[in-house]
Each structure stands twice: as structure tokens, then as C-alpha cells.
């Protein structure tokens, strides 16, 4: 089961990747209504995809405008120590 802390972290990672893309392609921001919400559905994380889709439904049921984008959740490339100099 995914916990709220994980959901927040993964969504922040998605948002960071989205903003990197938007920096290079600012026209994508025009797709988001000024008074709208942005929700990203991660294609490579089915659990988070469903959680975020649930958020989309709740927002729309509440009368909010929602811009929904699909993209891959970035993979963490943690550095691995190849050599240590002592």
C-alpha cells in the first residue's frame, strides 16, 4: 500500500519533470486554465496513476477545471561509489 508521504514525493518528482519540460516547451503551460488544477498521471506507476485519477474525479466533481497530463515517473539514479580515495 502506498502511503501519503510516498504519494507526495512521487507527485513532486512528476511536477519537477513536468516543469523541466515546460521550461523548454513553455507552450504546454497554455493548456492549463488560469484557474485550473494540474494533475499528472504517471504511466509507469499504476498505483499512483489510480490515486491521481481519483484526485481528478474529485476535483471535477467539485466543479474545478483540471488539466491532466500523462508522463513517466522519473527513475532515481542514485550515485554509486566506484572508488574511494583515503
N, C-alpha and C. Protein backbone atom coordinates (compact mmCIF):
# COMPACT_ATOMS: atom_id res chain seq x y z
N UNK A 1 0.84 -1.19 0.00
CA UNK A 1 0.00 0.00 0.00
C UNK A 1 0.88 1.25 0.00
N UNK A 2 0.51 2.20 -0.80
CA UNK A 2 1.27 3.44 -0.90
C UNK A 2 0.78 4.41 0.19
N UNK A 3 1.72 5.06 0.87
CA UNK A 3 1.33 5.98 1.94
C UNK A 3 1.41 7.42 1.43
N UNK A 4 0.76 8.31 2.15
CA UNK A 4 0.67 9.71 1.72
C UNK A 4 2.03 10.34 1.47
N UNK A 5 3.01 10.04 2.31
CA UNK A 5 4.35 10.61 2.15
C UNK A 5 4.94 10.21 0.80
N UNK A 6 4.74 8.95 0.41
CA UNK A 6 5.23 8.47 -0.88
C UNK A 6 4.49 9.15 -2.03
N UNK A 7 3.19 9.31 -1.87
CA UNK A 7 2.38 9.96 -2.90
C UNK A 7 2.88 11.38 -3.13
N UNK A 8 3.11 12.11 -2.05
CA UNK A 8 3.58 13.49 -2.16
C UNK A 8 4.94 13.53 -2.84
N UNK A 9 5.87 12.68 -2.42
CA UNK A 9 7.21 12.68 -3.01
C UNK A 9 7.15 12.37 -4.50
N UNK A 10 6.41 11.33 -4.86
CA UNK A 10 6.32 10.95 -6.27
C UNK A 10 5.66 12.05 -7.10
N UNK A 11 4.63 12.68 -6.56
CA UNK A 11 3.98 13.77 -7.29
C UNK A 11 4.90 14.98 -7.42
N UNK A 12 5.72 15.24 -6.42
CA UNK A 12 6.70 16.32 -6.53
C UNK A 12 7.74 16.00 -7.60
N UNK A 13 8.16 14.74 -7.67
CA UNK A 13 9.09 14.31 -8.72
C UNK A 13 8.47 14.50 -10.10
N UNK A 14 7.20 14.11 -10.24
CA UNK A 14 6.50 14.29 -11.51
C UNK A 14 6.42 15.77 -11.88
N UNK A 15 6.06 16.59 -10.90
CA UNK A 15 5.93 18.02 -11.15
C UNK A 15 7.27 18.63 -11.57
N UNK A 16 8.35 18.21 -10.91
CA UNK A 16 9.68 18.72 -11.26
C UNK A 16 10.02 18.38 -12.71
N UNK A 17 9.72 17.15 -13.12
CA UNK A 17 9.98 16.74 -14.51
C UNK A 17 9.10 17.52 -15.48
N UNK A 18 7.85 17.73 -15.10
CA UNK A 18 6.93 18.50 -15.93
C UNK A 18 7.48 19.92 -16.12
N UNK A 19 7.94 20.53 -15.04
CA UNK A 19 8.45 21.90 -15.12
C UNK A 19 9.73 21.98 -15.94
N UNK A 20 10.58 20.95 -15.86
CA UNK A 20 11.78 20.92 -16.72
C UNK A 20 11.35 20.94 -18.18
N UNK A 21 10.35 20.13 -18.50
CA UNK A 21 9.84 20.08 -19.87
C UNK A 21 9.22 21.43 -20.25
N UNK A 22 8.44 22.01 -19.35
CA UNK A 22 7.77 23.28 -19.61
C UNK A 22 8.78 24.41 -19.83
N UNK A 23 9.92 24.33 -19.17
CA UNK A 23 10.96 25.34 -19.36
C UNK A 23 11.44 25.34 -20.81
N UNK A 24 11.56 24.15 -21.39
CA UNK A 24 12.00 24.01 -22.78
C UNK A 24 10.85 24.18 -23.77
N UNK A 25 9.61 23.92 -23.32
CA UNK A 25 8.42 23.97 -24.18
C UNK A 25 7.31 24.74 -23.46
N UNK A 26 7.49 26.05 -23.29
CA UNK A 26 6.53 26.83 -22.50
C UNK A 26 5.10 26.82 -23.03
N UNK A 27 4.93 26.47 -24.29
CA UNK A 27 3.58 26.43 -24.86
C UNK A 27 2.69 25.40 -24.16
N UNK A 28 3.29 24.42 -23.51
CA UNK A 28 2.48 23.41 -22.80
C UNK A 28 1.69 24.04 -21.65
N UNK A 29 2.22 25.11 -21.09
CA UNK A 29 1.55 25.77 -19.96
C UNK A 29 0.24 26.43 -20.40
N UNK A 30 0.12 26.71 -21.69
CA UNK A 30 -1.12 27.30 -22.21
C UNK A 30 -2.28 26.31 -22.15
N UNK A 31 -1.99 25.04 -21.99
CA UNK A 31 -3.02 24.00 -21.90
C UNK A 31 -3.69 23.97 -20.52
N UNK A 32 -3.07 24.66 -19.55
CA UNK A 32 -3.60 24.67 -18.19
C UNK A 32 -4.42 25.94 -17.99
N UNK A 33 -5.71 25.80 -17.68
CA UNK A 33 -6.53 27.00 -17.46
C UNK A 33 -5.97 27.83 -16.30
N UNK A 34 -6.05 29.17 -16.39
CA UNK A 34 -5.52 30.02 -15.33
C UNK A 34 -6.07 29.68 -13.95
N UNK A 35 -7.31 29.27 -13.88
CA UNK A 35 -7.92 28.92 -12.60
C UNK A 35 -8.05 27.40 -12.44
N UNK A 36 -7.25 26.67 -13.21
CA UNK A 36 -7.35 25.22 -13.21
C UNK A 36 -6.30 24.54 -12.35
N UNK A 37 -6.47 23.26 -12.20
CA UNK A 37 -5.54 22.42 -11.45
C UNK A 37 -4.77 21.55 -12.44
N UNK A 38 -3.54 21.23 -12.10
CA UNK A 38 -2.70 20.35 -12.90
C UNK A 38 -2.59 19.01 -12.18
N UNK A 39 -2.90 17.93 -12.88
CA UNK A 39 -2.71 16.59 -12.33
C UNK A 39 -1.96 15.78 -13.37
N UNK A 40 -0.94 15.07 -12.92
CA UNK A 40 -0.12 14.25 -13.81
C UNK A 40 -0.36 12.79 -13.49
N UNK A 41 -0.64 12.01 -14.52
CA UNK A 41 -0.85 10.57 -14.37
C UNK A 41 0.42 9.85 -14.80
N UNK A 42 1.12 9.21 -13.86
CA UNK A 42 2.36 8.52 -14.20
C UNK A 42 2.09 7.18 -14.89
N UNK A 43 2.51 7.07 -16.13
CA UNK A 43 2.23 5.87 -16.91
C UNK A 43 2.97 4.63 -16.40
N UNK A 44 4.04 4.82 -15.66
CA UNK A 44 4.83 3.68 -15.19
C UNK A 44 4.64 3.39 -13.70
N UNK A 45 3.57 3.91 -13.10
CA UNK A 45 3.25 3.63 -11.70
C UNK A 45 1.74 3.50 -11.57
N UNK A 46 1.21 2.27 -11.76
CA UNK A 46 -0.24 2.08 -11.78
C UNK A 46 -0.95 2.48 -10.49
N UNK A 47 -0.30 2.33 -9.36
CA UNK A 47 -0.94 2.69 -8.09
C UNK A 47 -1.09 4.20 -7.99
N UNK A 48 -0.02 4.93 -8.27
CA UNK A 48 -0.09 6.39 -8.22
C UNK A 48 -1.01 6.92 -9.33
N UNK A 49 -1.01 6.27 -10.47
CA UNK A 49 -1.91 6.64 -11.57
C UNK A 49 -3.35 6.63 -11.07
N UNK A 50 -3.74 5.56 -10.40
CA UNK A 50 -5.12 5.45 -9.90
C UNK A 50 -5.41 6.48 -8.81
N UNK A 51 -4.44 6.72 -7.92
CA UNK A 51 -4.62 7.73 -6.87
C UNK A 51 -4.83 9.11 -7.49
N UNK A 52 -4.00 9.44 -8.49
CA UNK A 52 -4.11 10.75 -9.12
C UNK A 52 -5.38 10.86 -9.96
N UNK A 53 -5.80 9.75 -10.56
CA UNK A 53 -7.05 9.74 -11.32
C UNK A 53 -8.23 9.98 -10.38
N UNK A 54 -8.14 9.43 -9.19
CA UNK A 54 -9.16 9.67 -8.15
C UNK A 54 -9.21 11.17 -7.80
N UNK A 55 -8.05 11.79 -7.73
CA UNK A 55 -7.97 13.22 -7.47
C UNK A 55 -8.63 14.01 -8.59
N UNK A 56 -8.40 13.59 -9.84
CA UNK A 56 -9.03 14.25 -10.99
C UNK A 56 -10.55 14.19 -10.85
N UNK A 57 -11.06 13.02 -10.53
CA UNK A 57 -12.51 12.85 -10.39
C UNK A 57 -13.08 13.76 -9.29
N UNK A 58 -12.39 13.80 -8.15
CA UNK A 58 -12.85 14.63 -7.03
C UNK A 58 -12.85 16.12 -7.41
N UNK A 59 -11.79 16.55 -8.07
CA UNK A 59 -11.71 17.95 -8.48
C UNK A 59 -12.83 18.30 -9.46
N UNK A 60 -13.02 17.43 -10.45
CA UNK A 60 -14.07 17.69 -11.45
C UNK A 60 -15.46 17.64 -10.82
N UNK A 61 -15.67 16.71 -9.90
CA UNK A 61 -16.96 16.64 -9.20
C UNK A 61 -17.20 17.89 -8.37
N UNK A 62 -16.12 18.53 -7.94
CA UNK A 62 -16.23 19.77 -7.18
C UNK A 62 -16.32 21.00 -8.06
N UNK A 63 -16.42 20.79 -9.37
CA UNK A 63 -16.57 21.90 -10.30
C UNK A 63 -15.28 22.57 -10.73
N UNK A 64 -14.15 21.97 -10.41
CA UNK A 64 -12.85 22.56 -10.78
C UNK A 64 -12.49 22.19 -12.22
N UNK A 65 -11.72 23.07 -12.85
CA UNK A 65 -11.13 22.78 -14.16
C UNK A 65 -9.83 22.03 -13.90
N UNK A 66 -9.61 20.97 -14.66
CA UNK A 66 -8.42 20.14 -14.43
C UNK A 66 -7.72 19.87 -15.75
N UNK A 67 -6.43 20.16 -15.80
CA UNK A 67 -5.59 19.78 -16.94
C UNK A 67 -4.87 18.51 -16.53
N UNK A 68 -5.08 17.45 -17.29
CA UNK A 68 -4.49 16.15 -16.96
C UNK A 68 -3.45 15.80 -18.01
N UNK A 69 -2.25 15.51 -17.55
CA UNK A 69 -1.16 15.11 -18.43
C UNK A 69 -0.69 13.72 -18.02
N UNK A 70 -0.22 12.95 -19.00
CA UNK A 70 0.39 11.65 -18.72
C UNK A 70 1.88 11.76 -19.02
N UNK A 71 2.67 11.17 -18.16
CA UNK A 71 4.11 11.12 -18.38
C UNK A 71 4.71 10.03 -17.50
N UNK A 72 5.95 9.70 -17.75
CA UNK A 72 6.65 8.69 -16.97
C UNK A 72 7.15 9.30 -15.66
N UNK A 73 7.03 8.54 -14.59
CA UNK A 73 7.63 8.93 -13.32
C UNK A 73 9.14 8.81 -13.48
N UNK A 74 9.90 9.85 -13.13
CA UNK A 74 11.35 9.76 -13.30
C UNK A 74 11.95 8.67 -12.41
N UNK A 75 12.93 8.02 -12.95
CA UNK A 75 13.62 6.97 -12.19
C UNK A 75 14.80 7.60 -11.47
N UNK A 76 14.97 7.24 -10.23
CA UNK A 76 16.07 7.78 -9.44
C UNK A 76 17.34 7.04 -9.79
N UNK A 77 18.33 7.80 -10.18
CA UNK A 77 19.64 7.24 -10.45
C UNK A 77 20.55 7.64 -9.31
N UNK A 78 20.54 6.85 -8.26
CA UNK A 78 21.38 7.15 -7.11
C UNK A 78 22.84 6.91 -7.49
N UNK A 79 23.72 7.82 -7.11
CA UNK A 79 25.13 7.62 -7.42
C UNK A 79 25.68 6.41 -6.67
N UNK A 80 26.54 5.67 -7.33
CA UNK A 80 27.20 4.51 -6.71
C UNK A 80 28.69 4.80 -6.65
N UNK A 81 29.24 4.63 -5.47
CA UNK A 81 30.66 4.89 -5.29
C UNK A 81 31.46 3.88 -6.09
N UNK A 82 32.26 4.37 -7.01
CA UNK A 82 33.09 3.49 -7.83
C UNK A 82 34.46 3.29 -7.18
N UNK A 83 34.91 4.33 -6.48
CA UNK A 83 36.24 4.26 -5.90
C UNK A 83 36.32 5.27 -4.77
N UNK A 84 36.96 4.90 -3.71
CA UNK A 84 37.13 5.81 -2.59
C UNK A 84 38.62 6.06 -2.38
N UNK A 85 38.97 7.31 -2.26
CA UNK A 85 40.37 7.67 -2.02
C UNK A 85 40.50 8.04 -0.55
N UNK A 86 41.36 7.33 0.12
CA UNK A 86 41.55 7.55 1.55
C UNK A 86 42.90 8.17 1.80
